[in-house]
Amino acid sequence: DEDYTVTFAFYSSATGGSSLWSETQVVATTDGLFSTQLGGINPITPSTVATDELWLGLTVGSDAEMTPRQRMVSTVSAHIA
């Protein structure tokens, strides 16, 4: 259980390219897991995510960005009362 500085970045491809958006946060881990909300420091605009493919890259501290990047997908959901 420790705090880590993590940079989150969105890309339009699985490898290479420049980030479309990024934000650095300090996240607290419990048993190696963490939860965070993106966009609180650097807002995510609709134009940022308006791409055919969106990939998330993570960088912890001064390490290199983790590989592979993770593809972000949207889902349709409904709540039935």
PDB file of N, CA and C in Angstrom:
ATOM      1  N   ASP A   1       0.850  -1.182   0.000  1.00  0.00           N
ATOM      2  CA  ASP A   1       0.000   0.000   0.000  1.00  0.00           C
ATOM      3  C   ASP A   1       0.891   1.239   0.000  1.00  0.00           C
ATOM      4  N   GLU A   2       0.770   1.980  -1.080  1.00  0.00           N
ATOM      5  CA  GLU A   2       1.653   3.121  -1.262  1.00  0.00           C
ATOM      6  C   GLU A   2       1.002   4.119  -2.210  1.00  0.00           C
ATOM      7  N   ASP A   3       1.507   5.350  -2.208  1.00  0.00           N
ATOM      8  CA  ASP A   3       1.057   6.362  -3.165  1.00  0.00           C
ATOM      9  C   ASP A   3       2.030   6.390  -4.343  1.00  0.00           C
ATOM     10  N   TYR A   4       1.479   6.515  -5.555  1.00  0.00           N
ATOM     11  CA  TYR A   4       2.287   6.563  -6.772  1.00  0.00           C
ATOM     12  C   TYR A   4       1.841   7.725  -7.640  1.00  0.00           C
ATOM     13  N   THR A   5       2.792   8.352  -8.308  1.00  0.00           N
ATOM     14  CA  THR A   5       2.481   9.371  -9.304  1.00  0.00           C
ATOM     15  C   THR A   5       2.273   8.648 -10.629  1.00  0.00           C
ATOM     16  N   VAL A   6       1.079   8.803 -11.201  1.00  0.00           N
ATOM     17  CA  VAL A   6       0.718   8.107 -12.433  1.00  0.00           C
ATOM     18  C   VAL A   6       0.281   9.130 -13.469  1.00  0.00           C
ATOM     19  N   THR A   7       0.825   9.004 -14.680  1.00  0.00           N
ATOM     20  CA  THR A   7       0.374   9.824 -15.797  1.00  0.00           C
ATOM     21  C   THR A   7      -0.500   8.956 -16.692  1.00  0.00           C
ATOM     22  N   PHE A   8      -1.714   9.417 -16.928  1.00  0.00           N
ATOM     23  CA  PHE A   8      -2.678   8.758 -17.796  1.00  0.00           C
ATOM     24  C   PHE A   8      -2.692   9.537 -19.105  1.00  0.00           C
ATOM     25  N   ALA A   9      -2.697   8.841 -20.245  1.00  0.00           N
ATOM     26  CA  ALA A   9      -2.699   9.526 -21.538  1.00  0.00           C
ATOM     27  C   ALA A   9      -3.569   8.770 -22.527  1.00  0.00           C
ATOM     28  N   PHE A  10      -4.314   9.505 -23.339  1.00  0.00           N
ATOM     29  CA  PHE A  10      -5.111   8.933 -24.422  1.00  0.00           C
ATOM     30  C   PHE A  10      -4.359   9.107 -25.737  1.00  0.00           C
ATOM     31  N   TYR A  11      -4.415   8.071 -26.571  1.00  0.00           N
ATOM     32  CA  TYR A  11      -3.795   8.076 -27.894  1.00  0.00           C
ATOM     33  C   TYR A  11      -4.803   7.585 -28.921  1.00  0.00           C
ATOM     34  N   SER A  12      -4.558   7.887 -30.181  1.00  0.00           N
ATOM     35  CA  SER A  12      -5.433   7.394 -31.249  1.00  0.00           C
ATOM     36  C   SER A  12      -4.903   6.110 -31.873  1.00  0.00           C
ATOM     37  N   SER A  13      -3.795   5.583 -31.332  1.00  0.00           N
ATOM     38  CA  SER A  13      -3.240   4.330 -31.860  1.00  0.00           C
ATOM     39  C   SER A  13      -2.648   3.497 -30.723  1.00  0.00           C
ATOM     40  N   ALA A  14      -2.501   2.203 -30.987  1.00  0.00           N
ATOM     41  CA  ALA A  14      -1.996   1.268 -29.977  1.00  0.00           C
ATOM     42  C   ALA A  14      -0.520   1.491 -29.651  1.00  0.00           C
ATOM     43  N   THR A  15       0.219   2.021 -30.601  1.00  0.00           N
ATOM     44  CA  THR A  15       1.645   2.296 -30.385  1.00  0.00           C
ATOM     45  C   THR A  15       2.017   3.601 -31.075  1.00  0.00           C
ATOM     46  N   GLY A  16       3.038   4.252 -30.561  1.00  0.00           N
ATOM     47  CA  GLY A  16       3.549   5.470 -31.182  1.00  0.00           C
ATOM     48  C   GLY A  16       2.585   6.634 -31.105  1.00  0.00           C
ATOM     49  N   GLY A  17       2.946   7.699 -31.763  1.00  0.00           N
ATOM     50  CA  GLY A  17       2.105   8.887 -31.831  1.00  0.00           C
ATOM     51  C   GLY A  17       2.177   9.754 -30.589  1.00  0.00           C
ATOM     52  N   SER A  18       1.601  10.915 -30.702  1.00  0.00           N
ATOM     53  CA  SER A  18       1.530  11.867 -29.590  1.00  0.00           C
ATOM     54  C   SER A  18       0.214  11.696 -28.855  1.00  0.00           C
ATOM     55  N   SER A  19       0.225  12.001 -27.571  1.00  0.00           N
ATOM     56  CA  SER A  19      -1.007  11.866 -26.794  1.00  0.00           C
ATOM     57  C   SER A  19      -2.018  12.941 -27.185  1.00  0.00           C
ATOM     58  N   LEU A  20      -3.287  12.552 -27.156  1.00  0.00           N
ATOM     59  CA  LEU A  20      -4.389  13.480 -27.414  1.00  0.00           C
ATOM     60  C   LEU A  20      -4.754  14.251 -26.151  1.00  0.00           C
ATOM     61  N   TRP A  21      -4.469  13.626 -25.012  1.00  0.00           N
ATOM     62  CA  TRP A  21      -4.816  14.175 -23.697  1.00  0.00           C
ATOM     63  C   TRP A  21      -3.946  13.482 -22.667  1.00  0.00           C
ATOM     64  N   SER A  22      -3.591  14.180 -21.593  1.00  0.00           N
ATOM     65  CA  SER A  22      -2.889  13.529 -20.494  1.00  0.00           C
ATOM     66  C   SER A  22      -3.155  14.267 -19.193  1.00  0.00           C
ATOM     67  N   GLU A  23      -2.909  13.539 -18.114  1.00  0.00           N
ATOM     68  CA  GLU A  23      -3.135  14.088 -16.778  1.00  0.00           C
ATOM     69  C   GLU A  23      -2.290  13.272 -15.808  1.00  0.00           C
ATOM     70  N   THR A  24      -1.678  13.941 -14.851  1.00  0.00           N
ATOM     71  CA  THR A  24      -0.874  13.262 -13.839  1.00  0.00           C
ATOM     72  C   THR A  24      -1.554  13.396 -12.493  1.00  0.00           C
ATOM     73  N   GLN A  25      -1.669  12.263 -11.792  1.00  0.00           N
ATOM     74  CA  GLN A  25      -2.310  12.216 -10.483  1.00  0.00           C
ATOM     75  C   GLN A  25      -1.442  11.408  -9.520  1.00  0.00           C
ATOM     76  N   VAL A  26      -1.634  11.637  -8.235  1.00  0.00           N
ATOM     77  CA  VAL A  26      -1.064  10.761  -7.210  1.00  0.00           C
ATOM     78  C   VAL A  26      -2.191   9.833  -6.792  1.00  0.00           C
ATOM     79  N   VAL A  27      -1.977   8.525  -6.956  1.00  0.00           N
ATOM     80  CA  VAL A  27      -2.997   7.541  -6.626  1.00  0.00           C
ATOM     81  C   VAL A  27      -2.521   6.677  -5.460  1.00  0.00           C
ATOM     82  N   ALA A  28      -3.434   6.363  -4.569  1.00  0.00           N
ATOM     83  CA  ALA A  28      -3.143   5.495  -3.426  1.00  0.00           C
ATOM     84  C   ALA A  28      -3.546   4.072  -3.782  1.00  0.00           C
ATOM     85  N   THR A  29      -2.655   3.134  -3.526  1.00  0.00           N
ATOM     86  CA  THR A  29      -2.948   1.737  -3.826  1.00  0.00           C
ATOM     87  C   THR A  29      -3.268   0.973  -2.542  1.00  0.00           C
ATOM     88  N   THR A  30      -4.117  -0.036  -2.696  1.00  0.00           N
ATOM     89  CA  THR A  30      -4.419  -0.983  -1.629  1.00  0.00           C
ATOM     90  C   THR A  30      -4.309  -2.361  -2.252  1.00  0.00           C
ATOM     91  N   ASP A  31      -3.368  -3.158  -1.759  1.00  0.00           N
ATOM     92  CA  ASP A  31      -3.101  -4.479  -2.337  1.00  0.00           C
ATOM     93  C   ASP A  31      -2.814  -4.391  -3.837  1.00  0.00           C
ATOM     94  N   GLY A  32      -2.158  -3.306  -4.256  1.00  0.00           N
ATOM     95  CA  GLY A  32      -1.785  -3.139  -5.657  1.00  0.00           C
ATOM     96  C   GLY A  32      -2.879  -2.581  -6.547  1.00  0.00           C
ATOM     97  N   LEU A  33      -4.058  -2.309  -5.992  1.00  0.00           N
ATOM     98  CA  LEU A  33      -5.189  -1.802  -6.782  1.00  0.00           C
ATOM     99  C   LEU A  33      -5.436  -0.335  -6.462  1.00  0.00           C
ATOM    100  N   PHE A  34      -5.994   0.391  -7.431  1.00  0.00           N
ATOM    101  CA  PHE A  34      -6.371   1.777  -7.200  1.00  0.00           C
ATOM    102  C   PHE A  34      -7.605   2.109  -8.014  1.00  0.00           C
ATOM    103  N   SER A  35      -8.254   3.176  -7.616  1.00  0.00           N
ATOM    104  CA  SER A  35      -9.410   3.698  -8.343  1.00  0.00           C
ATOM    105  C   SER A  35      -9.213   5.196  -8.477  1.00  0.00           C
ATOM    106  N   THR A  36      -9.535   5.722  -9.651  1.00  0.00           N
ATOM    107  CA  THR A  36      -9.389   7.160  -9.867  1.00  0.00           C
ATOM    108  C   THR A  36     -10.394   7.624 -10.902  1.00  0.00           C
ATOM    109  N   GLN A  37     -10.601   8.909 -10.957  1.00  0.00           N
ATOM    110  CA  GLN A  37     -11.478   9.505 -11.962  1.00  0.00           C
ATOM    111  C   GLN A  37     -10.629  10.386 -12.854  1.00  0.00           C
ATOM    112  N   LEU A  38     -10.680  10.137 -14.142  1.00  0.00           N
ATOM    113  CA  LEU A  38      -9.898  10.924 -15.090  1.00  0.00           C
ATOM    114  C   LEU A  38     -10.650  12.184 -15.489  1.00  0.00           C
ATOM    115  N   GLY A  39      -9.920  13.234 -15.752  1.00  0.00           N
ATOM    116  CA  GLY A  39     -10.510  14.478 -16.224  1.00  0.00           C
ATOM    117  C   GLY A  39     -10.743  15.514 -15.147  1.00  0.00           C
ATOM    118  N   GLY A  40     -10.423  15.196 -13.906  1.00  0.00           N
ATOM    119  CA  GLY A  40     -10.619  16.148 -12.809  1.00  0.00           C
ATOM    120  C   GLY A  40      -9.593  17.256 -12.791  1.00  0.00           C
ATOM    121  N   ILE A  41      -8.407  16.983 -13.294  1.00  0.00           N
ATOM    122  CA  ILE A  41      -7.329  17.971 -13.324  1.00  0.00           C
ATOM    123  C   ILE A  41      -7.269  18.636 -14.698  1.00  0.00           C
ATOM    124  N   ASN A  42      -7.305  17.823 -15.729  1.00  0.00           N
ATOM    125  CA  ASN A  42      -7.285  18.296 -17.113  1.00  0.00           C
ATOM    126  C   ASN A  42      -8.556  17.769 -17.788  1.00  0.00           C
ATOM    127  N   PRO A  43      -9.591  18.598 -17.927  1.00  0.00           N
ATOM    128  CA  PRO A  43     -10.872  18.110 -18.454  1.00  0.00           C
ATOM    129  C   PRO A  43     -10.734  17.400 -19.803  1.00  0.00           C
ATOM    130  N   ILE A  44     -11.532  16.353 -19.954  1.00  0.00           N
ATOM    131  CA  ILE A  44     -11.587  15.602 -21.207  1.00  0.00           C
ATOM    132  C   ILE A  44     -12.738  16.162 -22.028  1.00  0.00           C
ATOM    133  N   THR A  45     -12.437  16.709 -23.195  1.00  0.00           N
ATOM    134  CA  THR A  45     -13.460  17.309 -24.040  1.00  0.00           C
ATOM    135  C   THR A  45     -14.000  16.275 -25.030  1.00  0.00           C
ATOM    136  N   PRO A  46     -15.210  16.480 -25.529  1.00  0.00           N
ATOM    137  CA  PRO A  46     -15.751  15.555 -26.531  1.00  0.00           C
ATOM    138  C   PRO A  46     -14.838  15.410 -27.753  1.00  0.00           C
ATOM    139  N   SER A  47     -14.189  16.484 -28.158  1.00  0.00           N
ATOM    140  CA  SER A  47     -13.316  16.400 -29.331  1.00  0.00           C
ATOM    141  C   SER A  47     -12.087  15.528 -29.053  1.00  0.00           C
ATOM    142  N   THR A  48     -11.670  15.445 -27.797  1.00  0.00           N
ATOM    143  CA  THR A  48     -10.526  14.607 -27.435  1.00  0.00           C
ATOM    144  C   THR A  48     -10.817  13.135 -27.685  1.00  0.00           C
ATOM    145  N   VAL A  49     -12.020  12.712 -27.391  1.00  0.00           N
ATOM    146  CA  VAL A  49     -12.372  11.294 -27.498  1.00  0.00           C
ATOM    147  C   VAL A  49     -13.126  10.969 -28.783  1.00  0.00           C
ATOM    148  N   ALA A  50     -13.271  11.947 -29.676  1.00  0.00           N
ATOM    149  CA  ALA A  50     -13.974  11.733 -30.948  1.00  0.00           C
ATOM    150  C   ALA A  50     -12.998  11.173 -31.971  1.00  0.00           C
ATOM    151  N   THR A  51     -12.638   9.917 -31.789  1.00  0.00           N
ATOM    152  CA  THR A  51     -11.710   9.246 -32.689  1.00  0.00           C
ATOM    153  C   THR A  51     -12.181   7.811 -32.878  1.00  0.00           C
ATOM    154  N   ASP A  52     -11.813   7.196 -33.980  1.00  0.00           N
ATOM    155  CA  ASP A  52     -12.251   5.821 -34.244  1.00  0.00           C
ATOM    156  C   ASP A  52     -11.729   4.850 -33.195  1.00  0.00           C
ATOM    157  N   GLU A  53     -10.518   5.064 -32.732  1.00  0.00           N
ATOM    158  CA  GLU A  53      -9.925   4.226 -31.713  1.00  0.00           C
ATOM    159  C   GLU A  53      -9.314   5.120 -30.643  1.00  0.00           C
ATOM    160  N   LEU A  54      -9.442   4.697 -29.380  1.00  0.00           N
ATOM    161  CA  LEU A  54      -8.879   5.454 -28.265  1.00  0.00           C
ATOM    162  C   LEU A  54      -8.133   4.471 -27.376  1.00  0.00           C
ATOM    163  N   TRP A  55      -6.882   4.775 -27.093  1.00  0.00           N
ATOM    164  CA  TRP A  55      -6.012   3.893 -26.319  1.00  0.00           C
ATOM    165  C   TRP A  55      -5.508   4.617 -25.085  1.00  0.00           C
ATOM    166  N   LEU A  56      -5.453   3.923 -23.949  1.00  0.00           N
ATOM    167  CA  LEU A  56      -4.990   4.491 -22.690  1.00  0.00           C
ATOM    168  C   LEU A  56      -3.582   4.001 -22.390  1.00  0.00           C
ATOM    169  N   GLY A  57      -2.695   4.944 -22.148  1.00  0.00           N
ATOM    170  CA  GLY A  57      -1.334   4.627 -21.725  1.00  0.00           C
ATOM    171  C   GLY A  57      -1.140   5.062 -20.285  1.00  0.00           C
ATOM    172  N   LEU A  58      -0.380   4.281 -19.523  1.00  0.00           N
ATOM    173  CA  LEU A  58      -0.088   4.590 -18.115  1.00  0.00           C
ATOM    174  C   LEU A  58       1.416   4.661 -17.908  1.00  0.00           C
ATOM    175  N   THR A  59       1.835   5.692 -17.200  1.00  0.00           N
ATOM    176  CA  THR A  59       3.235   5.839 -16.830  1.00  0.00           C
ATOM    177  C   THR A  59       3.293   6.038 -15.329  1.00  0.00           C
ATOM    178  N   VAL A  60       4.049   5.198 -14.640  1.00  0.00           N
ATOM    179  CA  VAL A  60       4.186   5.286 -13.196  1.00  0.00           C
ATOM    180  C   VAL A  60       5.534   5.917 -12.873  1.00  0.00           C
ATOM    181  N   GLY A  61       5.469   7.029 -12.142  1.00  0.00           N
ATOM    182  CA  GLY A  61       6.692   7.724 -11.767  1.00  0.00           C
ATOM    183  C   GLY A  61       7.526   8.089 -12.972  1.00  0.00           C
ATOM    184  N   SER A  62       8.829   7.778 -12.904  1.00  0.00           N
ATOM    185  CA  SER A  62       9.729   8.109 -14.011  1.00  0.00           C
ATOM    186  C   SER A  62       9.984   6.908 -14.924  1.00  0.00           C
ATOM    187  N   ASP A  63       9.238   5.815 -14.716  1.00  0.00           N
ATOM    188  CA  ASP A  63       9.378   4.635 -15.578  1.00  0.00           C
ATOM    189  C   ASP A  63       8.877   4.943 -16.984  1.00  0.00           C
ATOM    190  N   ALA A  64       9.211   4.073 -17.927  1.00  0.00           N
ATOM    191  CA  ALA A  64       8.670   4.186 -19.282  1.00  0.00           C
ATOM    192  C   ALA A  64       7.182   3.840 -19.263  1.00  0.00           C
ATOM    193  N   GLU A  65       6.461   4.321 -20.255  1.00  0.00           N
ATOM    194  CA  GLU A  65       5.033   3.995 -20.342  1.00  0.00           C
ATOM    195  C   GLU A  65       4.854   2.481 -20.414  1.00  0.00           C
ATOM    196  N   MET A  66       3.866   1.976 -19.666  1.00  0.00           N
ATOM    197  CA  MET A  66       3.584   0.543 -19.663  1.00  0.00           C
ATOM    198  C   MET A  66       3.099   0.107 -21.044  1.00  0.00           C
ATOM    199  N   THR A  67       3.383  -1.133 -21.380  1.00  0.00           N
ATOM    200  CA  THR A  67       2.893  -1.703 -22.626  1.00  0.00           C
ATOM    201  C   THR A  67       2.207  -3.020 -22.323  1.00  0.00           C
ATOM    202  N   PRO A  68       1.214  -3.380 -23.085  1.00  0.00           N
ATOM    203  CA  PRO A  68       0.648  -2.610 -24.183  1.00  0.00           C
ATOM    204  C   PRO A  68      -0.336  -1.565 -23.658  1.00  0.00           C
ATOM    205  N   ARG A  69      -0.636  -0.576 -24.482  1.00  0.00           N
ATOM    206  CA  ARG A  69      -1.716   0.361 -24.168  1.00  0.00           C
ATOM    207  C   ARG A  69      -3.032  -0.415 -24.171  1.00  0.00           C
ATOM    208  N   GLN A  70      -3.985   0.101 -23.422  1.00  0.00           N
ATOM    209  CA  GLN A  70      -5.279  -0.565 -23.329  1.00  0.00           C
ATOM    210  C   GLN A  70      -6.315   0.190 -24.162  1.00  0.00           C
ATOM    211  N   ARG A  71      -7.050  -0.537 -24.978  1.00  0.00           N
ATOM    212  CA  ARG A  71      -8.065   0.085 -25.828  1.00  0.00           C
ATOM    213  C   ARG A  71      -9.270   0.475 -24.987  1.00  0.00           C
ATOM    214  N   MET A  72      -9.740   1.696 -25.190  1.00  0.00           N
ATOM    215  CA  MET A  72     -10.930   2.202 -24.511  1.00  0.00           C
ATOM    216  C   MET A  72     -12.115   1.972 -25.446  1.00  0.00           C
ATOM    217  N   VAL A  73     -13.189   1.433 -24.910  1.00  0.00           N
ATOM    218  CA  VAL A  73     -14.380   1.187 -25.704  1.00  0.00           C
ATOM    219  C   VAL A  73     -15.585   1.749 -24.971  1.00  0.00           C
ATOM    220  N   SER A  74     -16.600   2.063 -25.721  1.00  0.00           N
ATOM    221  CA  SER A  74     -17.831   2.547 -25.105  1.00  0.00           C
ATOM    222  C   SER A  74     -18.854   1.426 -25.132  1.00  0.00           C
ATOM    223  N   THR A  75     -19.765   1.489 -24.220  1.00  0.00           N
ATOM    224  CA  THR A  75     -20.842   0.497 -24.166  1.00  0.00           C
ATOM    225  C   THR A  75     -22.157   1.215 -23.988  1.00  0.00           C
ATOM    226  N   VAL A  76     -23.191   0.570 -24.457  1.00  0.00           N
ATOM    227  CA  VAL A  76     -24.540   1.095 -24.284  1.00  0.00           C
ATOM    228  C   VAL A  76     -25.098   0.441 -23.033  1.00  0.00           C
ATOM    229  N   SER A  77     -25.667   1.247 -22.171  1.00  0.00           N
ATOM    230  CA  SER A  77     -26.279   0.668 -20.977  1.00  0.00           C
ATOM    231  C   SER A  77     -27.623   1.307 -20.742  1.00  0.00           C
ATOM    232  N   ALA A  78     -28.438   0.606 -20.014  1.00  0.00           N
ATOM    233  CA  ALA A  78     -29.772   1.123 -19.703  1.00  0.00           C
ATOM    234  C   ALA A  78     -30.111   0.736 -18.280  1.00  0.00           C
ATOM    235  N   HIS A  79     -30.885   1.547 -17.655  1.00  0.00           N
ATOM    236  CA  HIS A  79     -31.366   1.252 -16.311  1.00  0.00           C
ATOM    237  C   HIS A  79     -32.874   1.122 -16.394  1.00  0.00           C
ATOM    238  N   ILE A  80     -33.354  -0.013 -16.018  1.00  0.00           N
ATOM    239  CA  ILE A  80     -34.808  -0.248 -16.044  1.00  0.00           C
ATOM    240  C   ILE A  80     -35.306  -0.240 -14.624  1.00  0.00           C
ATOM    241  N   ALA A  81     -36.250   0.627 -14.371  1.00  0.00           N
ATOM    242  CA  ALA A  81     -36.781   0.737 -13.002  1.00  0.00           C
ATOM    243  C   ALA A  81     -37.889  -0.257 -12.752  1.00  0.00           C
TER     244      ALA A  81
END
